[in-house]
Amino acid sequence: MSTSIQLKKVVKRFGAIDVIKGIDLDIEPGQFTVFVGPSGCGKSTLLRMIAGLETISGGDLLIGGERMNDTAAAKRGIAMVFQSYALYPHMTVYKNLAFGLETAGLKRDEIDRRVKEAAATLRITEYLQRRPKALSGGQRQRVAIGRSIVRDPNIFLFDEPLSNLDAELRVQMRVEISKLHERLGNTMIYVTHDQVEAMTMADKIVVLKAGEVMQTGSPLELYNRPANRFVAGFIGSPKMNFLEAKRTAADTIEVAGQSLRLSSDQLGQAMTSVPITFGIRPEHIVLGGEAGQSLGEAKVDLVEHLGGSTSVYATMTSGASLTILAPGQLAIQHGETVPLRIDAANCHAFGPDDQTLRR
């Protein structure tokens, strides 16, 4: 079972300071939504307001169409998974999963059924008689998620649940949580500062900055059509390159001493000679070749060979720094001067207010 969530002009105020500034948001039943943004942007505070762990200073929170501002957390049909596993070290995995149900007064047979179903779903059946100290970090996180599953909630909330895991386990658990969502179909909200987690897991991404929503949309919508420079720089790894530019004609800009032709759709209503910011992702810059338009030359400062791809850090003749991500294994050395080419279709332009010029 899953349910919808609506935020209408939701505000969180600490004293005279608004940390959540009138957010409007609709989350559909069964949708996997990720709140992403830098530290201090308000994503965890927003999640805790939905959970009922923080009071709402203004606006309305609706769950399944019902106003929940003053409803106790325990009555919202929500289960929450935190960064800390918070397992009882003296209890077995089975007892950790069953404890909340026992406290709620469920019958023993029902508790046993729910625990075994959750364990099977998370593939931890063989660990049910172990204690937490005998488990790996990933197994402990599965148990923490299992405590939420046994409650049979309508909504799952995840507050940076993978932050304590090493890189390999983070990738593995990312896949596990996505598969779990596919199997259960519940509405899920996931908070992270890691845009890779957001891109790989979400149906909908909500990008937050200083308590405000910068943009919402599917991962590829945000990647292909960022609404502003902040989203463009935050979504995508390595981050987008930004270069100073100006519009010199209806369909032409000057950037790093080069004239580039862009479409009127990309340049919108920007006035000629008004400073703009040109954006191009590292993976959309090609070293050499004949296709596309020239972006001039750059001197290689550093090369990182990653096996399946090569990261190149270079300085253009204008002095601007560039990051280039090329597929495969390039035979390129520090100090080389390399020609740069781009496809105009992959370029972005932002006005003096940092908003996209794209229509």
Protein backbone atom coordinates (compact mmCIF):
# COMPACT_ATOMS: atom_id res chain seq x y z
CA MET A 1 0.00 0.00 0.00
CA SER A 2 1.24 3.51 -0.80
CA THR A 3 -0.11 7.01 -0.45
CA SER A 4 0.39 10.56 -1.70
CA ILE A 5 2.13 13.42 0.09
CA GLN A 6 1.47 17.11 -0.50
CA LEU A 7 3.31 20.09 0.92
CA LYS A 8 1.52 23.42 0.58
CA LYS A 9 3.57 26.54 1.40
CA VAL A 10 5.33 24.60 4.18
CA VAL A 11 7.54 26.72 6.43
CA LYS A 12 9.90 25.82 9.27
CA ARG A 13 10.99 28.69 11.45
CA PHE A 14 13.58 28.74 14.23
CA GLY A 15 13.12 32.05 16.00
CA ALA A 16 13.19 34.76 13.35
CA ILE A 17 14.96 32.53 10.80
CA ASP A 18 13.05 30.60 8.13
CA VAL A 19 15.01 27.45 7.35
CA ILE A 20 12.25 26.02 5.11
CA LYS A 21 10.79 28.82 3.01
CA GLY A 22 7.28 28.04 1.81
CA ILE A 23 7.80 24.79 -0.10
CA ASP A 24 5.15 23.40 -2.46
CA LEU A 25 5.59 19.77 -3.46
CA ASP A 26 3.45 16.85 -4.69
CA ILE A 27 4.64 13.26 -4.28
CA GLU A 28 2.55 10.63 -6.04
CA PRO A 29 1.60 7.28 -4.45
CA GLY A 30 4.42 4.76 -4.91
CA GLN A 31 6.91 7.35 -6.11
CA PHE A 32 10.57 7.19 -5.07
CA THR A 33 11.49 10.81 -4.35
CA VAL A 34 14.98 11.97 -3.42
CA PHE A 35 15.73 15.22 -1.57
CA VAL A 36 19.23 16.29 -2.52
CA GLY A 37 21.35 19.32 -1.79
CA PRO A 38 24.42 20.55 0.12
CA SER A 39 24.75 20.43 3.90
CA GLY A 40 22.43 22.90 5.60
CA CYS A 41 19.97 23.16 2.69
CA GLY A 42 17.05 21.88 4.82
CA LYS A 43 16.53 18.41 3.32
CA SER A 44 16.67 16.50 6.63
CA THR A 45 14.53 19.14 8.36
CA LEU A 46 11.91 18.76 5.63
CA LEU A 47 11.97 14.97 6.01
CA ARG A 48 11.56 15.24 9.80
CA MET A 49 8.57 17.55 9.32
CA ILE A 50 6.91 14.93 7.13
CA ALA A 51 7.71 12.28 9.74
CA GLY A 52 6.24 14.37 12.56
CA LEU A 53 9.58 14.79 14.36
CA GLU A 54 9.61 18.55 13.70
CA THR A 55 6.65 20.90 14.05
CA ILE A 56 5.42 22.80 11.02
CA SER A 57 5.60 26.58 11.46
CA GLY A 58 3.36 27.40 8.51
CA GLY A 59 1.54 25.83 5.58
CA ASP A 60 -0.04 22.38 5.34
CA LEU A 61 1.18 18.79 5.13
CA LEU A 62 -1.29 16.37 3.57
CA ILE A 63 -0.83 12.60 3.58
CA GLY A 64 -3.38 10.68 1.55
CA GLY A 65 -5.33 13.93 1.23
CA GLU A 66 -5.64 14.43 5.00
CA ARG A 67 -4.03 17.33 6.86
CA MET A 68 -1.35 15.95 9.20
CA ASN A 69 0.21 19.07 10.76
CA ASP A 70 -0.97 18.15 14.25
CA THR A 71 -1.10 14.37 13.91
CA ALA A 72 1.34 12.42 16.08
CA ALA A 73 4.24 10.77 14.28
CA ALA A 74 3.09 7.28 15.30
CA LYS A 75 -0.28 7.82 13.55
CA ARG A 76 1.01 8.99 10.17
CA GLY A 77 1.62 5.51 8.69
CA ILE A 78 5.31 6.28 8.28
CA ALA A 79 8.49 4.30 9.02
CA MET A 80 11.88 6.01 9.09
CA VAL A 81 15.40 4.67 8.55
CA PHE A 82 18.22 6.79 9.95
CA GLN A 83 21.94 7.11 9.24
CA SER A 84 22.60 5.32 12.53
CA TYR A 85 21.46 1.68 12.56
CA ALA A 86 20.36 2.03 16.23
CA LEU A 87 20.10 -1.75 16.71
CA TYR A 88 19.83 -3.31 20.16
CA PRO A 89 23.24 -5.00 20.60
CA HIS A 90 22.03 -7.56 23.16
CA MET A 91 19.18 -8.80 20.95
CA THR A 92 19.30 -11.18 18.00
CA VAL A 93 18.31 -9.95 14.56
CA TYR A 94 14.95 -11.68 15.02
CA LYS A 95 14.33 -9.86 18.30
CA ASN A 96 15.43 -6.51 16.80
CA LEU A 97 12.84 -6.97 14.06
CA ALA A 98 10.13 -8.19 16.41
CA PHE A 99 10.58 -5.78 19.31
CA GLY A 100 8.47 -2.92 17.97
CA LEU A 101 5.66 -5.30 17.05
CA GLU A 102 5.73 -6.89 20.51
CA THR A 103 5.53 -3.43 22.08
CA ALA A 104 2.51 -2.68 19.87
CA GLY A 105 0.77 -5.81 21.21
CA LEU A 106 0.59 -7.89 18.02
CA LYS A 107 0.00 -11.61 18.34
CA ARG A 108 3.00 -13.93 18.26
CA ASP A 109 1.97 -15.65 14.99
CA GLU A 110 1.54 -12.30 13.22
CA ILE A 111 4.90 -11.08 14.50
CA ASP A 112 6.61 -14.27 13.31
CA ARG A 113 5.01 -13.98 9.87
CA ARG A 114 6.04 -10.35 9.42
CA VAL A 115 9.60 -10.90 10.65
CA LYS A 116 10.16 -13.90 8.37
CA GLU A 117 8.66 -12.11 5.35
CA ALA A 118 10.86 -9.05 5.92
CA ALA A 119 13.93 -11.25 6.42
CA ALA A 120 13.23 -13.08 3.17
CA THR A 121 12.70 -9.82 1.29
CA LEU A 122 16.04 -8.45 2.55
CA ARG A 123 17.87 -11.80 2.29
CA ILE A 124 18.83 -11.86 5.98
CA THR A 125 16.97 -15.05 6.97
CA GLU A 126 20.23 -16.86 7.75
CA TYR A 127 21.24 -14.09 10.17
CA LEU A 128 18.08 -14.07 12.30
CA GLN A 129 19.78 -15.70 15.29
CA ARG A 130 22.92 -13.56 15.14
CA ARG A 131 23.53 -10.42 17.16
CA PRO A 132 24.42 -7.10 15.45
CA LYS A 133 28.13 -7.33 16.32
CA ALA A 134 28.36 -10.46 14.12
CA LEU A 135 27.03 -8.59 11.06
CA SER A 136 28.72 -6.42 8.43
CA GLY A 137 27.72 -2.80 7.96
CA GLY A 138 25.52 -3.65 4.98
CA GLN A 139 23.80 -6.46 6.88
CA ARG A 140 23.13 -4.14 9.84
CA GLN A 141 21.58 -1.60 7.50
CA ARG A 142 19.32 -4.31 6.08
CA VAL A 143 18.18 -5.13 9.62
CA ALA A 144 17.47 -1.42 10.24
CA ILE A 145 15.38 -1.33 7.05
CA GLY A 146 13.69 -4.58 8.11
CA ARG A 147 12.47 -2.96 11.33
CA SER A 148 10.61 -0.49 9.13
CA ILE A 149 9.23 -3.13 6.76
CA VAL A 150 7.65 -5.23 9.53
CA ARG A 151 5.53 -2.24 10.53
CA ASP A 152 3.86 -2.38 7.09
CA PRO A 153 3.92 1.42 6.63
CA ASN A 154 2.40 3.41 3.78
CA ILE A 155 5.50 5.60 3.50
CA PHE A 156 9.22 4.94 4.01
CA LEU A 157 11.55 7.81 4.90
CA PHE A 158 15.33 7.40 4.58
CA ASP A 159 17.66 9.98 6.15
CA GLU A 160 21.11 9.46 4.56
CA PRO A 161 21.03 5.73 5.41
CA LEU A 162 24.24 4.83 3.55
CA SER A 163 26.58 7.49 4.92
CA ASN A 164 28.31 5.08 7.31
CA LEU A 165 29.13 2.50 4.64
CA ASP A 166 32.25 2.23 2.50
CA ALA A 167 32.10 2.97 -1.23
CA GLU A 168 31.51 -0.62 -2.38
CA LEU A 169 28.76 -1.24 0.16
CA ARG A 170 27.09 2.07 -0.71
CA VAL A 171 26.74 0.95 -4.33
CA GLN A 172 25.44 -2.46 -3.26
CA MET A 173 22.88 -1.02 -0.83
CA ARG A 174 21.79 1.57 -3.39
CA VAL A 175 20.80 -1.29 -5.66
CA GLU A 176 19.15 -3.18 -2.77
CA ILE A 177 16.98 -0.21 -1.78
CA SER A 178 15.93 0.38 -5.40
CA LYS A 179 14.97 -3.30 -5.74
CA LEU A 180 13.08 -3.09 -2.45
CA HIS A 181 11.04 -0.19 -3.81
CA GLU A 182 10.24 -2.19 -6.94
CA ARG A 183 9.03 -5.14 -4.84
CA LEU A 184 7.02 -3.22 -2.23
CA GLY A 185 5.75 -0.30 -4.30
CA ASN A 186 5.50 1.99 -1.25
CA THR A 187 5.94 5.74 -1.39
CA MET A 188 9.56 6.45 -0.44
CA ILE A 189 11.44 9.67 0.33
CA TYR A 190 15.21 9.46 0.49
CA VAL A 191 17.53 12.21 1.72
CA THR A 192 21.13 12.43 0.52
CA HIS A 193 23.86 14.95 -0.30
CA ASP A 194 25.20 12.53 -2.93
CA GLN A 195 23.88 13.44 -6.37
CA VAL A 196 24.97 10.03 -7.74
CA GLU A 197 22.56 8.34 -5.31
CA ALA A 198 19.87 10.77 -6.41
CA MET A 199 20.44 10.15 -10.12
CA THR A 200 20.52 6.36 -9.84
CA MET A 201 17.62 5.80 -7.42
CA ALA A 202 14.96 8.47 -7.90
CA ASP A 203 11.74 8.66 -9.87
CA LYS A 204 11.70 12.34 -8.88
CA ILE A 205 14.55 14.49 -7.59
CA VAL A 206 13.94 17.58 -5.46
CA VAL A 207 17.01 19.84 -5.44
CA LEU A 208 17.14 22.09 -2.38
CA LYS A 209 19.25 25.14 -1.56
CA ALA A 210 18.94 27.28 1.58
CA GLY A 211 15.44 26.00 2.36
CA GLU A 212 14.04 26.52 -1.15
CA VAL A 213 13.31 24.14 -4.02
CA MET A 214 15.58 24.92 -6.96
CA GLN A 215 14.01 22.35 -9.31
CA THR A 216 12.03 19.11 -9.32
CA GLY A 217 11.90 16.49 -12.03
CA SER A 218 13.17 13.13 -13.19
CA PRO A 219 16.94 12.54 -13.08
CA LEU A 220 17.34 13.01 -16.83
CA GLU A 221 15.14 16.13 -16.88
CA LEU A 222 17.44 17.77 -14.35
CA TYR A 223 20.54 16.56 -16.17
CA ASN A 224 19.41 17.64 -19.64
CA ARG A 225 17.44 20.79 -18.79
CA PRO A 226 18.68 22.32 -15.51
CA ALA A 227 16.59 25.33 -14.51
CA ASN A 228 19.52 27.31 -13.14
CA ARG A 229 23.27 27.29 -12.65
CA PHE A 230 23.02 25.75 -9.17
CA VAL A 231 21.17 22.66 -10.42
CA ALA A 232 23.45 22.42 -13.47
CA GLY A 233 26.51 22.37 -11.22
CA PHE A 234 25.07 20.05 -8.60
CA ILE A 235 23.63 17.35 -10.87
CA GLY A 236 26.23 15.42 -12.82
CA SER A 237 29.67 14.11 -11.90
CA PRO A 238 32.19 15.53 -12.60
CA LYS A 239 30.34 18.84 -12.35
CA MET A 240 29.53 21.05 -15.33
CA ASN A 241 32.17 23.47 -16.61
CA PHE A 242 31.17 27.14 -16.50
CA LEU A 243 32.82 29.79 -18.68
CA GLU A 244 32.21 33.53 -19.03
CA ALA A 245 30.55 34.44 -22.32
CA LYS A 246 28.46 37.08 -24.08
CA ARG A 247 25.90 37.04 -26.87
CA THR A 248 27.28 38.68 -30.01
CA ALA A 249 24.43 37.94 -32.43
CA ALA A 250 20.99 36.32 -32.55
CA ASP A 251 22.48 32.82 -32.62
CA THR A 252 26.11 33.39 -31.61
CA ILE A 253 28.03 33.72 -28.37
CA GLU A 254 31.67 34.45 -27.70
CA VAL A 255 33.34 32.21 -25.14
CA ALA A 256 37.07 31.88 -24.41
CA GLY A 257 37.82 33.83 -27.58
CA GLN A 258 35.77 31.46 -29.75
CA SER A 259 32.50 32.12 -31.57
CA LEU A 260 29.90 29.40 -31.05
CA ARG A 261 26.55 29.08 -32.77
CA LEU A 262 23.69 28.06 -30.46
CA SER A 263 19.97 27.80 -31.14
CA SER A 264 17.51 30.56 -30.29
CA ASP A 265 15.87 28.04 -27.94
CA GLN A 266 19.12 27.79 -25.95
CA LEU A 267 19.73 31.53 -25.83
CA GLY A 268 16.17 32.63 -25.17
CA GLN A 269 15.69 36.38 -24.84
CA ALA A 270 19.24 37.26 -23.74
CA MET A 271 20.29 40.68 -25.03
CA THR A 272 23.38 41.12 -27.20
CA SER A 273 26.51 42.01 -25.19
CA VAL A 274 24.89 41.09 -21.86
CA PRO A 275 27.26 38.80 -19.88
CA ILE A 276 26.08 35.21 -19.72
CA THR A 277 27.51 31.96 -18.38
CA PHE A 278 28.25 29.16 -20.82
CA GLY A 279 27.93 25.62 -19.47
CA ILE A 280 29.26 22.36 -20.89
CA ARG A 281 29.53 19.00 -19.13
CA PRO A 282 32.94 17.26 -19.02
CA GLU A 283 31.58 14.27 -20.95
CA HIS A 284 30.39 16.53 -23.77
CA ILE A 285 33.84 17.90 -24.64
CA VAL A 286 35.73 15.97 -27.31
CA LEU A 287 39.53 16.05 -27.64
CA GLY A 288 40.32 16.50 -31.32
CA GLY A 289 38.29 15.24 -34.24
CA GLU A 290 36.32 17.13 -36.87
CA ALA A 291 32.73 16.91 -35.62
CA GLY A 292 31.05 19.80 -33.84
CA GLN A 293 32.37 23.31 -33.17
CA SER A 294 35.80 24.34 -31.96
CA LEU A 295 36.23 25.53 -28.38
CA GLY A 296 39.88 26.39 -28.99
CA GLU A 297 42.77 24.64 -27.29
CA ALA A 298 43.78 23.78 -23.75
CA LYS A 299 46.97 22.69 -22.01
CA VAL A 300 46.75 19.47 -20.01
CA ASP A 301 47.47 19.93 -16.29
CA LEU A 302 46.56 16.49 -14.95
CA VAL A 303 45.38 13.15 -16.31
CA GLU A 304 43.48 10.55 -14.28
CA HIS A 305 43.30 7.10 -15.88
CA LEU A 306 40.20 5.34 -14.53
CA GLY A 307 40.28 2.35 -16.86
CA GLY A 308 36.89 2.71 -18.51
CA SER A 309 37.30 6.47 -18.82
CA THR A 310 39.95 9.21 -18.59
CA SER A 311 39.58 12.48 -16.67
CA VAL A 312 41.59 15.38 -18.04
CA TYR A 313 42.10 18.66 -16.18
CA ALA A 314 43.26 21.43 -18.48
CA THR A 315 43.71 25.20 -18.80
CA MET A 316 42.43 27.05 -21.84
CA THR A 317 44.43 29.77 -23.58
CA SER A 318 42.04 32.26 -21.97
CA GLY A 319 43.13 31.02 -18.53
CA ALA A 320 39.85 29.25 -17.77
CA SER A 321 40.00 25.78 -16.21
CA LEU A 322 38.22 22.82 -17.78
CA THR A 323 37.42 19.26 -16.74
CA ILE A 324 37.06 16.77 -19.59
CA LEU A 325 35.76 13.21 -19.24
CA ALA A 326 36.63 10.99 -22.18
CA PRO A 327 35.58 7.36 -22.69
CA GLY A 328 38.24 4.68 -22.76
CA GLN A 329 41.98 4.95 -22.16
CA LEU A 330 43.54 8.01 -23.78
CA ALA A 331 47.26 8.22 -24.52
CA ILE A 332 47.61 11.79 -23.32
CA GLN A 333 50.31 13.40 -21.19
CA HIS A 334 50.72 16.33 -18.81
CA GLY A 335 51.79 19.45 -20.69
CA GLU A 336 50.23 18.52 -24.03
CA THR A 337 48.13 21.08 -25.88
CA VAL A 338 44.89 19.54 -27.11
CA PRO A 339 42.14 20.83 -29.44
CA LEU A 340 38.62 20.93 -28.03
CA ARG A 341 35.37 20.38 -29.90
CA ILE A 342 31.76 20.39 -28.74
CA ASP A 343 28.26 19.65 -29.99
CA ALA A 344 26.12 22.79 -29.57
CA ALA A 345 23.09 20.64 -28.69
CA ASN A 346 24.78 19.75 -25.38
CA CYS A 347 25.54 23.33 -24.36
CA HIS A 348 23.77 25.47 -21.76
CA ALA A 349 23.55 29.21 -21.24
CA PHE A 350 22.60 31.05 -18.05
CA GLY A 351 21.73 34.72 -17.60
CA PRO A 352 23.14 37.20 -15.06
CA ASP A 353 20.54 35.92 -12.56
CA ASP A 354 21.92 32.35 -13.00
CA GLN A 355 18.61 31.15 -14.49
CA THR A 356 18.68 29.13 -17.69
CA LEU A 357 18.07 31.06 -20.90
CA ARG A 358 16.58 27.98 -22.52
CA ARG A 359 12.95 28.41 -23.52
